[in-house]
ModelCIF file with pLDDT and N, C-alpha, C, O atoms, coordinates in Angstrom:
data_MODEL
#
_entry.id   MODEL 
#
_entity.id                         1 
_entity.type                       polymer 
_entity.pdbx_number_of_molecules   1 
#
_entity_poly.entity_id                      1 
_entity_poly.type                           'polypeptide(L)' 
_entity_poly.nstd_linkage                   no 
_entity_poly.nstd_monomer                   no 
_entity_poly.pdbx_seq_one_letter_code       NDFPLASCEVYQAATGTWQTAAGMAMTRAGHAAVKLRDGRVLVA 
_entity_poly.pdbx_seq_one_letter_code_can   NDFPLASCEVYQAATGTWQTAAGMAMTRAGHAAVKLRDGRVLVA 
_entity_poly.pdbx_strand_id                 A 
#
loop_
_entity_poly_seq.entity_id 
_entity_poly_seq.num 
_entity_poly_seq.mon_id 
_entity_poly_seq.hetero 
1 1  ASN n 
1 2  ASP n 
1 3  PHE n 
1 4  PRO n 
1 5  LEU n 
1 6  ALA n 
1 7  SER n 
1 8  CYS n 
1 9  GLU n 
1 10 VAL n 
1 11 TYR n 
1 12 GLN n 
1 13 ALA n 
1 14 ALA n 
1 15 THR n 
1 16 GLY n 
1 17 THR n 
1 18 TRP n 
1 19 GLN n 
1 20 THR n 
1 21 ALA n 
1 22 ALA n 
1 23 GLY n 
1 24 MET n 
1 25 ALA n 
1 26 MET n 
1 27 THR n 
1 28 ARG n 
1 29 ALA n 
1 30 GLY n 
1 31 HIS n 
1 32 ALA n 
1 33 ALA n 
1 34 VAL n 
1 35 LYS n 
1 36 LEU n 
1 37 ARG n 
1 38 ASP n 
1 39 GLY n 
1 40 ARG n 
1 41 VAL n 
1 42 LEU n 
1 43 VAL n 
1 44 ALA n 
#
_struct_asym.id          A 
_struct_asym.entity_id   1 
#
loop_
_ma_qa_metric.id 
_ma_qa_metric.mode 
_ma_qa_metric.name 
_ma_qa_metric.software_group_id 
_ma_qa_metric.type 
1 global pLDDT . pLDDT 
2 local  pLDDT . pLDDT 
#
_ma_qa_metric_global.metric_id      1 
_ma_qa_metric_global.metric_value   95.34 
_ma_qa_metric_global.model_id       1 
_ma_qa_metric_global.ordinal_id     1 
#
loop_
_ma_qa_metric_local.label_asym_id 
_ma_qa_metric_local.label_comp_id 
_ma_qa_metric_local.label_seq_id 
_ma_qa_metric_local.metric_id 
_ma_qa_metric_local.metric_value 
_ma_qa_metric_local.model_id 
_ma_qa_metric_local.ordinal_id 
A ASN 1  2 63.00 1 1  
A ASP 2  2 75.00 1 2  
A PHE 3  2 84.00 1 3  
A PRO 4  2 92.00 1 4  
A LEU 5  2 94.00 1 5  
A ALA 6  2 96.00 1 6  
A SER 7  2 97.00 1 7  
A CYS 8  2 98.00 1 8  
A GLU 9  2 98.00 1 9  
A VAL 10 2 98.00 1 10 
A TYR 11 2 98.00 1 11 
A GLN 12 2 98.00 1 12 
A ALA 13 2 98.00 1 13 
A ALA 14 2 97.00 1 14 
A THR 15 2 97.00 1 15 
A GLY 16 2 98.00 1 16 
A THR 17 2 98.00 1 17 
A TRP 18 2 98.00 1 18 
A GLN 19 2 98.00 1 19 
A THR 20 2 98.00 1 20 
A ALA 21 2 98.00 1 21 
A ALA 22 2 98.00 1 22 
A GLY 23 2 98.00 1 23 
A MET 24 2 97.00 1 24 
A ALA 25 2 96.00 1 25 
A MET 26 2 94.00 1 26 
A THR 27 2 95.00 1 27 
A ARG 28 2 94.00 1 28 
A ALA 29 2 94.00 1 29 
A GLY 30 2 94.00 1 30 
A HIS 31 2 95.00 1 31 
A ALA 32 2 97.00 1 32 
A ALA 33 2 98.00 1 33 
A VAL 34 2 98.00 1 34 
A LYS 35 2 98.00 1 35 
A LEU 36 2 98.00 1 36 
A ARG 37 2 97.00 1 37 
A ASP 38 2 97.00 1 38 
A GLY 39 2 98.00 1 39 
A ARG 40 2 98.00 1 40 
A VAL 41 2 98.00 1 41 
A LEU 42 2 98.00 1 42 
A VAL 43 2 98.00 1 43 
A ALA 44 2 96.00 1 44 
#
loop_
_atom_site.group_PDB 
_atom_site.id 
_atom_site.type_symbol 
_atom_site.label_atom_id 
_atom_site.label_alt_id 
_atom_site.label_comp_id 
_atom_site.label_asym_id 
_atom_site.label_entity_id 
_atom_site.label_seq_id 
_atom_site.pdbx_PDB_ins_code 
_atom_site.Cartn_x 
_atom_site.Cartn_y 
_atom_site.Cartn_z 
_atom_site.occupancy 
_atom_site.B_iso_or_equiv 
_atom_site.pdbx_formal_charge 
_atom_site.auth_seq_id 
_atom_site.auth_comp_id 
_atom_site.auth_asym_id 
_atom_site.auth_atom_id 
_atom_site.pdbx_PDB_model_num 
ATOM 1   N N  . ASN A 1 1  ? -1.214  23.222 10.219 1.00 63.00 ? 1  ASN A N  1 
ATOM 2   C CA . ASN A 1 1  ? -2.341  23.886 10.600 1.00 63.00 ? 1  ASN A CA 1 
ATOM 3   C C  . ASN A 1 1  ? -3.596  23.222 10.916 1.00 63.00 ? 1  ASN A C  1 
ATOM 4   O O  . ASN A 1 1  ? -3.405  22.007 10.870 1.00 63.00 ? 1  ASN A O  1 
ATOM 5   N N  . ASP A 1 2  ? -4.737  23.489 11.202 1.00 75.00 ? 2  ASP A N  1 
ATOM 6   C CA . ASP A 1 2  ? -5.755  23.068 11.950 1.00 75.00 ? 2  ASP A CA 1 
ATOM 7   C C  . ASP A 1 2  ? -6.764  22.474 11.093 1.00 75.00 ? 2  ASP A C  1 
ATOM 8   O O  . ASP A 1 2  ? -7.703  21.910 11.654 1.00 75.00 ? 2  ASP A O  1 
ATOM 9   N N  . PHE A 1 3  ? -6.724  22.509 9.752  1.00 84.00 ? 3  PHE A N  1 
ATOM 10  C CA . PHE A 1 3  ? -7.463  22.309 8.727  1.00 84.00 ? 3  PHE A CA 1 
ATOM 11  C C  . PHE A 1 3  ? -7.224  20.471 8.378  1.00 84.00 ? 3  PHE A C  1 
ATOM 12  O O  . PHE A 1 3  ? -6.177  19.824 8.379  1.00 84.00 ? 3  PHE A O  1 
ATOM 13  N N  . PRO A 1 4  ? -8.360  20.115 8.160  1.00 92.00 ? 4  PRO A N  1 
ATOM 14  C CA . PRO A 1 4  ? -8.409  18.297 7.993  1.00 92.00 ? 4  PRO A CA 1 
ATOM 15  C C  . PRO A 1 4  ? -7.334  18.536 6.557  1.00 92.00 ? 4  PRO A C  1 
ATOM 16  O O  . PRO A 1 4  ? -6.965  19.415 5.779  1.00 92.00 ? 4  PRO A O  1 
ATOM 17  N N  . LEU A 1 5  ? -7.142  16.960 6.885  1.00 94.00 ? 5  LEU A N  1 
ATOM 18  C CA . LEU A 1 5  ? -6.169  16.653 5.690  1.00 94.00 ? 5  LEU A CA 1 
ATOM 19  C C  . LEU A 1 5  ? -6.774  15.812 4.777  1.00 94.00 ? 5  LEU A C  1 
ATOM 20  O O  . LEU A 1 5  ? -7.590  15.014 5.240  1.00 94.00 ? 5  LEU A O  1 
ATOM 21  N N  . ALA A 1 6  ? -6.509  15.802 3.264  1.00 96.00 ? 6  ALA A N  1 
ATOM 22  C CA . ALA A 1 6  ? -7.185  14.631 2.192  1.00 96.00 ? 6  ALA A CA 1 
ATOM 23  C C  . ALA A 1 6  ? -5.896  13.812 1.866  1.00 96.00 ? 6  ALA A C  1 
ATOM 24  O O  . ALA A 1 6  ? -6.091  12.925 1.034  1.00 96.00 ? 6  ALA A O  1 
ATOM 25  N N  . SER A 1 7  ? -4.666  13.913 2.324  1.00 97.00 ? 7  SER A N  1 
ATOM 26  C CA . SER A 1 7  ? -3.799  13.016 2.242  1.00 97.00 ? 7  SER A CA 1 
ATOM 27  C C  . SER A 1 7  ? -3.869  11.958 2.774  1.00 97.00 ? 7  SER A C  1 
ATOM 28  O O  . SER A 1 7  ? -4.515  11.835 3.814  1.00 97.00 ? 7  SER A O  1 
ATOM 29  N N  . CYS A 1 8  ? -3.151  10.805 2.133  1.00 98.00 ? 8  CYS A N  1 
ATOM 30  C CA . CYS A 1 8  ? -2.850  9.269  2.788  1.00 98.00 ? 8  CYS A CA 1 
ATOM 31  C C  . CYS A 1 8  ? -1.911  8.830  2.322  1.00 98.00 ? 8  CYS A C  1 
ATOM 32  O O  . CYS A 1 8  ? -1.348  9.509  1.464  1.00 98.00 ? 8  CYS A O  1 
ATOM 33  N N  . GLU A 1 9  ? -1.450  7.748  2.626  1.00 98.00 ? 9  GLU A N  1 
ATOM 34  C CA . GLU A 1 9  ? -0.088  7.036  3.009  1.00 98.00 ? 9  GLU A CA 1 
ATOM 35  C C  . GLU A 1 9  ? -0.409  5.385  3.433  1.00 98.00 ? 9  GLU A C  1 
ATOM 36  O O  . GLU A 1 9  ? -1.205  4.784  4.154  1.00 98.00 ? 9  GLU A O  1 
ATOM 37  N N  . VAL A 1 10 ? 0.540   5.112  2.666  1.00 98.00 ? 10 VAL A N  1 
ATOM 38  C CA . VAL A 1 10 ? 0.912   3.235  3.181  1.00 98.00 ? 10 VAL A CA 1 
ATOM 39  C C  . VAL A 1 10 ? 1.759   2.894  3.912  1.00 98.00 ? 10 VAL A C  1 
ATOM 40  O O  . VAL A 1 10 ? 2.796   3.355  3.434  1.00 98.00 ? 10 VAL A O  1 
ATOM 41  N N  . TYR A 1 11 ? 1.998   2.321  4.862  1.00 98.00 ? 11 TYR A N  1 
ATOM 42  C CA . TYR A 1 11 ? 3.138   1.717  5.558  1.00 98.00 ? 11 TYR A CA 1 
ATOM 43  C C  . TYR A 1 11 ? 3.352   0.348  4.742  1.00 98.00 ? 11 TYR A C  1 
ATOM 44  O O  . TYR A 1 11 ? 2.395   -0.424 4.695  1.00 98.00 ? 11 TYR A O  1 
ATOM 45  N N  . GLN A 1 12 ? 4.669   -0.034 4.032  1.00 98.00 ? 12 GLN A N  1 
ATOM 46  C CA . GLN A 1 12 ? 5.139   -0.984 3.714  1.00 98.00 ? 12 GLN A CA 1 
ATOM 47  C C  . GLN A 1 12 ? 5.420   -1.950 4.405  1.00 98.00 ? 12 GLN A C  1 
ATOM 48  O O  . GLN A 1 12 ? 6.644   -1.918 4.524  1.00 98.00 ? 12 GLN A O  1 
ATOM 49  N N  . ALA A 1 13 ? 4.834   -3.200 5.191  1.00 98.00 ? 13 ALA A N  1 
ATOM 50  C CA . ALA A 1 13 ? 5.593   -3.507 6.071  1.00 98.00 ? 13 ALA A CA 1 
ATOM 51  C C  . ALA A 1 13 ? 6.656   -4.668 6.083  1.00 98.00 ? 13 ALA A C  1 
ATOM 52  O O  . ALA A 1 13 ? 7.308   -5.220 6.969  1.00 98.00 ? 13 ALA A O  1 
ATOM 53  N N  . ALA A 1 14 ? 6.565   -4.781 4.909  1.00 97.00 ? 14 ALA A N  1 
ATOM 54  C CA . ALA A 1 14 ? 7.952   -5.678 4.327  1.00 97.00 ? 14 ALA A CA 1 
ATOM 55  C C  . ALA A 1 14 ? 9.312   -5.000 4.543  1.00 97.00 ? 14 ALA A C  1 
ATOM 56  O O  . ALA A 1 14 ? 10.239  -5.488 5.189  1.00 97.00 ? 14 ALA A O  1 
ATOM 57  N N  . THR A 1 15 ? 9.313   -3.518 3.768  1.00 97.00 ? 15 THR A N  1 
ATOM 58  C CA . THR A 1 15 ? 10.215  -2.485 4.089  1.00 97.00 ? 15 THR A CA 1 
ATOM 59  C C  . THR A 1 15 ? 10.427  -1.437 5.044  1.00 97.00 ? 15 THR A C  1 
ATOM 60  O O  . THR A 1 15 ? 11.366  -0.643 4.982  1.00 97.00 ? 15 THR A O  1 
ATOM 61  N N  . GLY A 1 16 ? 9.355   -1.450 6.109  1.00 98.00 ? 16 GLY A N  1 
ATOM 62  C CA . GLY A 1 16 ? 9.782   -0.408 6.943  1.00 98.00 ? 16 GLY A CA 1 
ATOM 63  C C  . GLY A 1 16 ? 9.343   0.848  6.326  1.00 98.00 ? 16 GLY A C  1 
ATOM 64  O O  . GLY A 1 16 ? 9.633   1.858  6.967  1.00 98.00 ? 16 GLY A O  1 
ATOM 65  N N  . THR A 1 17 ? 8.733   1.006  5.267  1.00 98.00 ? 17 THR A N  1 
ATOM 66  C CA . THR A 1 17 ? 9.066   2.304  4.734  1.00 98.00 ? 17 THR A CA 1 
ATOM 67  C C  . THR A 1 17 ? 7.159   2.801  4.550  1.00 98.00 ? 17 THR A C  1 
ATOM 68  O O  . THR A 1 17 ? 6.282   1.946  4.674  1.00 98.00 ? 17 THR A O  1 
ATOM 69  N N  . TRP A 1 18 ? 6.867   4.159  4.273  1.00 98.00 ? 18 TRP A N  1 
ATOM 70  C CA . TRP A 1 18 ? 5.847   4.722  3.821  1.00 98.00 ? 18 TRP A CA 1 
ATOM 71  C C  . TRP A 1 18 ? 5.870   5.285  2.833  1.00 98.00 ? 18 TRP A C  1 
ATOM 72  O O  . TRP A 1 18 ? 6.814   6.030  2.571  1.00 98.00 ? 18 TRP A O  1 
ATOM 73  N N  . GLN A 1 19 ? 4.618   5.063  1.802  1.00 98.00 ? 19 GLN A N  1 
ATOM 74  C CA . GLN A 1 19 ? 4.813   6.005  0.497  1.00 98.00 ? 19 GLN A CA 1 
ATOM 75  C C  . GLN A 1 19 ? 3.268   6.480  0.522  1.00 98.00 ? 19 GLN A C  1 
ATOM 76  O O  . GLN A 1 19 ? 2.336   5.892  1.071  1.00 98.00 ? 19 GLN A O  1 
ATOM 77  N N  . THR A 1 20 ? 3.231   7.588  -0.146 1.00 98.00 ? 20 THR A N  1 
ATOM 78  C CA . THR A 1 20 ? 2.323   8.404  -0.601 1.00 98.00 ? 20 THR A CA 1 
ATOM 79  C C  . THR A 1 20 ? 0.960   7.591  -1.462 1.00 98.00 ? 20 THR A C  1 
ATOM 80  O O  . THR A 1 20 ? 1.034   7.178  -2.620 1.00 98.00 ? 20 THR A O  1 
ATOM 81  N N  . ALA A 1 21 ? -0.139  7.508  -0.651 1.00 98.00 ? 21 ALA A N  1 
ATOM 82  C CA . ALA A 1 21 ? -1.318  7.112  -1.522 1.00 98.00 ? 21 ALA A CA 1 
ATOM 83  C C  . ALA A 1 21 ? -2.017  8.477  -1.951 1.00 98.00 ? 21 ALA A C  1 
ATOM 84  O O  . ALA A 1 21 ? -1.908  9.590  -1.437 1.00 98.00 ? 21 ALA A O  1 
ATOM 85  N N  . ALA A 1 22 ? -2.858  8.010  -3.179 1.00 98.00 ? 22 ALA A N  1 
ATOM 86  C CA . ALA A 1 22 ? -3.829  8.355  -3.479 1.00 98.00 ? 22 ALA A CA 1 
ATOM 87  C C  . ALA A 1 22 ? -4.576  9.730  -2.459 1.00 98.00 ? 22 ALA A C  1 
ATOM 88  O O  . ALA A 1 22 ? -4.770  9.416  -1.285 1.00 98.00 ? 22 ALA A O  1 
ATOM 89  N N  . GLY A 1 23 ? -4.904  10.909 -2.791 1.00 98.00 ? 23 GLY A N  1 
ATOM 90  C CA . GLY A 1 23 ? -5.411  11.669 -1.692 1.00 98.00 ? 23 GLY A CA 1 
ATOM 91  C C  . GLY A 1 23 ? -7.183  11.381 -1.655 1.00 98.00 ? 23 GLY A C  1 
ATOM 92  O O  . GLY A 1 23 ? -7.587  10.920 -2.722 1.00 98.00 ? 23 GLY A O  1 
ATOM 93  N N  . MET A 1 24 ? -7.939  11.525 -0.913 1.00 97.00 ? 24 MET A N  1 
ATOM 94  C CA . MET A 1 24 ? -9.504  11.844 -0.954 1.00 97.00 ? 24 MET A CA 1 
ATOM 95  C C  . MET A 1 24 ? -9.901  13.173 -1.376 1.00 97.00 ? 24 MET A C  1 
ATOM 96  O O  . MET A 1 24 ? -9.391  14.248 -1.059 1.00 97.00 ? 24 MET A O  1 
ATOM 97  N N  . ALA A 1 25 ? -11.078 12.898 -2.287 1.00 96.00 ? 25 ALA A N  1 
ATOM 98  C CA . ALA A 1 25 ? -11.636 14.048 -2.647 1.00 96.00 ? 25 ALA A CA 1 
ATOM 99  C C  . ALA A 1 25 ? -12.115 14.839 -1.638 1.00 96.00 ? 25 ALA A C  1 
ATOM 100 O O  . ALA A 1 25 ? -12.496 15.970 -1.939 1.00 96.00 ? 25 ALA A O  1 
ATOM 101 N N  . MET A 1 26 ? -12.168 14.498 -0.580 1.00 94.00 ? 26 MET A N  1 
ATOM 102 C CA . MET A 1 26 ? -12.533 15.554 0.648  1.00 94.00 ? 26 MET A CA 1 
ATOM 103 C C  . MET A 1 26 ? -11.457 15.727 1.717  1.00 94.00 ? 26 MET A C  1 
ATOM 104 O O  . MET A 1 26 ? -10.760 14.716 1.631  1.00 94.00 ? 26 MET A O  1 
ATOM 105 N N  . THR A 1 27 ? -11.096 16.329 2.455  1.00 95.00 ? 27 THR A N  1 
ATOM 106 C CA . THR A 1 27 ? -10.581 16.416 3.341  1.00 95.00 ? 27 THR A CA 1 
ATOM 107 C C  . THR A 1 27 ? -11.390 15.967 4.731  1.00 95.00 ? 27 THR A C  1 
ATOM 108 O O  . THR A 1 27 ? -12.562 16.322 4.860  1.00 95.00 ? 27 THR A O  1 
ATOM 109 N N  . ARG A 1 28 ? -10.812 15.273 5.640  1.00 94.00 ? 28 ARG A N  1 
ATOM 110 C CA . ARG A 1 28 ? -11.234 14.896 6.830  1.00 94.00 ? 28 ARG A CA 1 
ATOM 111 C C  . ARG A 1 28 ? -10.054 14.564 7.751  1.00 94.00 ? 28 ARG A C  1 
ATOM 112 O O  . ARG A 1 28 ? -8.861  14.301 7.597  1.00 94.00 ? 28 ARG A O  1 
ATOM 113 N N  . ALA A 1 29 ? -11.017 14.708 8.910  1.00 94.00 ? 29 ALA A N  1 
ATOM 114 C CA . ALA A 1 29 ? -10.452 14.525 10.372 1.00 94.00 ? 29 ALA A CA 1 
ATOM 115 C C  . ALA A 1 29 ? -11.408 13.882 11.565 1.00 94.00 ? 29 ALA A C  1 
ATOM 116 O O  . ALA A 1 29 ? -12.539 14.315 11.787 1.00 94.00 ? 29 ALA A O  1 
ATOM 117 N N  . GLY A 1 30 ? -10.922 13.003 12.159 1.00 94.00 ? 30 GLY A N  1 
ATOM 118 C CA . GLY A 1 30 ? -11.948 12.896 13.172 1.00 94.00 ? 30 GLY A CA 1 
ATOM 119 C C  . GLY A 1 30 ? -13.028 11.753 12.664 1.00 94.00 ? 30 GLY A C  1 
ATOM 120 O O  . GLY A 1 30 ? -13.901 11.389 13.451 1.00 94.00 ? 30 GLY A O  1 
ATOM 121 N N  . HIS A 1 31 ? -12.963 11.267 11.505 1.00 95.00 ? 31 HIS A N  1 
ATOM 122 C CA . HIS A 1 31 ? -13.500 10.351 11.017 1.00 95.00 ? 31 HIS A CA 1 
ATOM 123 C C  . HIS A 1 31 ? -13.609 8.717  11.114 1.00 95.00 ? 31 HIS A C  1 
ATOM 124 O O  . HIS A 1 31 ? -12.872 8.469  12.068 1.00 95.00 ? 31 HIS A O  1 
ATOM 125 N N  . ALA A 1 32 ? -13.989 7.813  10.771 1.00 97.00 ? 32 ALA A N  1 
ATOM 126 C CA . ALA A 1 32 ? -14.165 6.363  10.980 1.00 97.00 ? 32 ALA A CA 1 
ATOM 127 C C  . ALA A 1 32 ? -13.685 5.709  9.561  1.00 97.00 ? 32 ALA A C  1 
ATOM 128 O O  . ALA A 1 32 ? -14.146 6.211  8.536  1.00 97.00 ? 32 ALA A O  1 
ATOM 129 N N  . ALA A 1 33 ? -12.847 4.692  9.467  1.00 98.00 ? 33 ALA A N  1 
ATOM 130 C CA . ALA A 1 33 ? -12.529 3.962  8.516  1.00 98.00 ? 33 ALA A CA 1 
ATOM 131 C C  . ALA A 1 33 ? -12.711 2.197  8.743  1.00 98.00 ? 33 ALA A C  1 
ATOM 132 O O  . ALA A 1 33 ? -12.177 1.642  9.703  1.00 98.00 ? 33 ALA A O  1 
ATOM 133 N N  . VAL A 1 34 ? -13.312 1.644  7.998  1.00 98.00 ? 34 VAL A N  1 
ATOM 134 C CA . VAL A 1 34 ? -13.502 0.518  7.864  1.00 98.00 ? 34 VAL A CA 1 
ATOM 135 C C  . VAL A 1 34 ? -13.218 -0.499 6.679  1.00 98.00 ? 34 VAL A C  1 
ATOM 136 O O  . VAL A 1 34 ? -13.734 -0.163 5.614  1.00 98.00 ? 34 VAL A O  1 
ATOM 137 N N  . LYS A 1 35 ? -12.478 -1.703 6.668  1.00 98.00 ? 35 LYS A N  1 
ATOM 138 C CA . LYS A 1 35 ? -12.554 -2.476 5.388  1.00 98.00 ? 35 LYS A CA 1 
ATOM 139 C C  . LYS A 1 35 ? -13.532 -3.382 5.241  1.00 98.00 ? 35 LYS A C  1 
ATOM 140 O O  . LYS A 1 35 ? -13.985 -3.989 6.212  1.00 98.00 ? 35 LYS A O  1 
ATOM 141 N N  . LEU A 1 36 ? -13.941 -3.559 4.061  1.00 98.00 ? 36 LEU A N  1 
ATOM 142 C CA . LEU A 1 36 ? -15.054 -4.040 3.648  1.00 98.00 ? 36 LEU A CA 1 
ATOM 143 C C  . LEU A 1 36 ? -14.625 -5.605 3.143  1.00 98.00 ? 36 LEU A C  1 
ATOM 144 O O  . LEU A 1 36 ? -13.456 -5.954 3.309  1.00 98.00 ? 36 LEU A O  1 
ATOM 145 N N  . ARG A 1 37 ? -15.319 -6.272 2.701  1.00 97.00 ? 37 ARG A N  1 
ATOM 146 C CA . ARG A 1 37 ? -15.061 -8.125 2.791  1.00 97.00 ? 37 ARG A CA 1 
ATOM 147 C C  . ARG A 1 37 ? -14.158 -8.097 1.164  1.00 97.00 ? 37 ARG A C  1 
ATOM 148 O O  . ARG A 1 37 ? -13.333 -8.948 0.832  1.00 97.00 ? 37 ARG A O  1 
ATOM 149 N N  . ASP A 1 38 ? -14.588 -6.867 0.305  1.00 97.00 ? 38 ASP A N  1 
ATOM 150 C CA . ASP A 1 38 ? -13.558 -7.366 -1.124 1.00 97.00 ? 38 ASP A CA 1 
ATOM 151 C C  . ASP A 1 38 ? -12.406 -6.434 -0.922 1.00 97.00 ? 38 ASP A C  1 
ATOM 152 O O  . ASP A 1 38 ? -11.849 -5.976 -1.919 1.00 97.00 ? 38 ASP A O  1 
ATOM 153 N N  . GLY A 1 39 ? -11.973 -6.092 0.351  1.00 98.00 ? 39 GLY A N  1 
ATOM 154 C CA . GLY A 1 39 ? -10.676 -5.036 0.435  1.00 98.00 ? 39 GLY A CA 1 
ATOM 155 C C  . GLY A 1 39 ? -10.537 -3.575 0.500  1.00 98.00 ? 39 GLY A C  1 
ATOM 156 O O  . GLY A 1 39 ? -9.743  -2.837 1.082  1.00 98.00 ? 39 GLY A O  1 
ATOM 157 N N  . ARG A 1 40 ? -11.575 -3.370 -0.293 1.00 98.00 ? 40 ARG A N  1 
ATOM 158 C CA . ARG A 1 40 ? -11.414 -1.805 -0.128 1.00 98.00 ? 40 ARG A CA 1 
ATOM 159 C C  . ARG A 1 40 ? -11.875 -1.449 1.139  1.00 98.00 ? 40 ARG A C  1 
ATOM 160 O O  . ARG A 1 40 ? -12.383 -2.185 1.985  1.00 98.00 ? 40 ARG A O  1 
ATOM 161 N N  . VAL A 1 41 ? -11.569 0.185  1.210  1.00 98.00 ? 41 VAL A N  1 
ATOM 162 C CA . VAL A 1 41 ? -11.935 0.651  2.666  1.00 98.00 ? 41 VAL A CA 1 
ATOM 163 C C  . VAL A 1 41 ? -12.683 1.859  2.492  1.00 98.00 ? 41 VAL A C  1 
ATOM 164 O O  . VAL A 1 41 ? -12.422 2.704  1.636  1.00 98.00 ? 41 VAL A O  1 
ATOM 165 N N  . LEU A 1 42 ? -14.052 1.955  3.706  1.00 98.00 ? 42 LEU A N  1 
ATOM 166 C CA . LEU A 1 42 ? -14.768 2.792  3.401  1.00 98.00 ? 42 LEU A CA 1 
ATOM 167 C C  . LEU A 1 42 ? -14.376 3.800  4.673  1.00 98.00 ? 42 LEU A C  1 
ATOM 168 O O  . LEU A 1 42 ? -14.213 3.314  5.792  1.00 98.00 ? 42 LEU A O  1 
ATOM 169 N N  . VAL A 1 43 ? -14.231 5.274  4.429  1.00 98.00 ? 43 VAL A N  1 
ATOM 170 C CA . VAL A 1 43 ? -14.459 6.207  4.883  1.00 98.00 ? 43 VAL A CA 1 
ATOM 171 C C  . VAL A 1 43 ? -15.497 7.203  5.396  1.00 98.00 ? 43 VAL A C  1 
ATOM 172 O O  . VAL A 1 43 ? -15.711 7.739  4.309  1.00 98.00 ? 43 VAL A O  1 
ATOM 173 N N  . ALA A 1 44 ? -16.083 7.675  6.014  1.00 96.00 ? 44 ALA A N  1 
ATOM 174 C CA . ALA A 1 44 ? -17.179 8.728  6.627  1.00 96.00 ? 44 ALA A CA 1 
ATOM 175 C C  . ALA A 1 44 ? -17.063 9.174  7.758  1.00 96.00 ? 44 ALA A C  1 
ATOM 176 O O  . ALA A 1 44 ? -17.898 9.964  8.198  1.00 96.00 ? 44 ALA A O  1 
#
């Protein structure tokens, strides 16, 4: 569909595989993301 997703996933560089990660509270598309100094990721 053309509705935004809340789902996320992580690419494991060592194995070349993807794993499902925790989903966001909101569905999002066309958004921006940036990694903070403490390693957390801000999405808005």
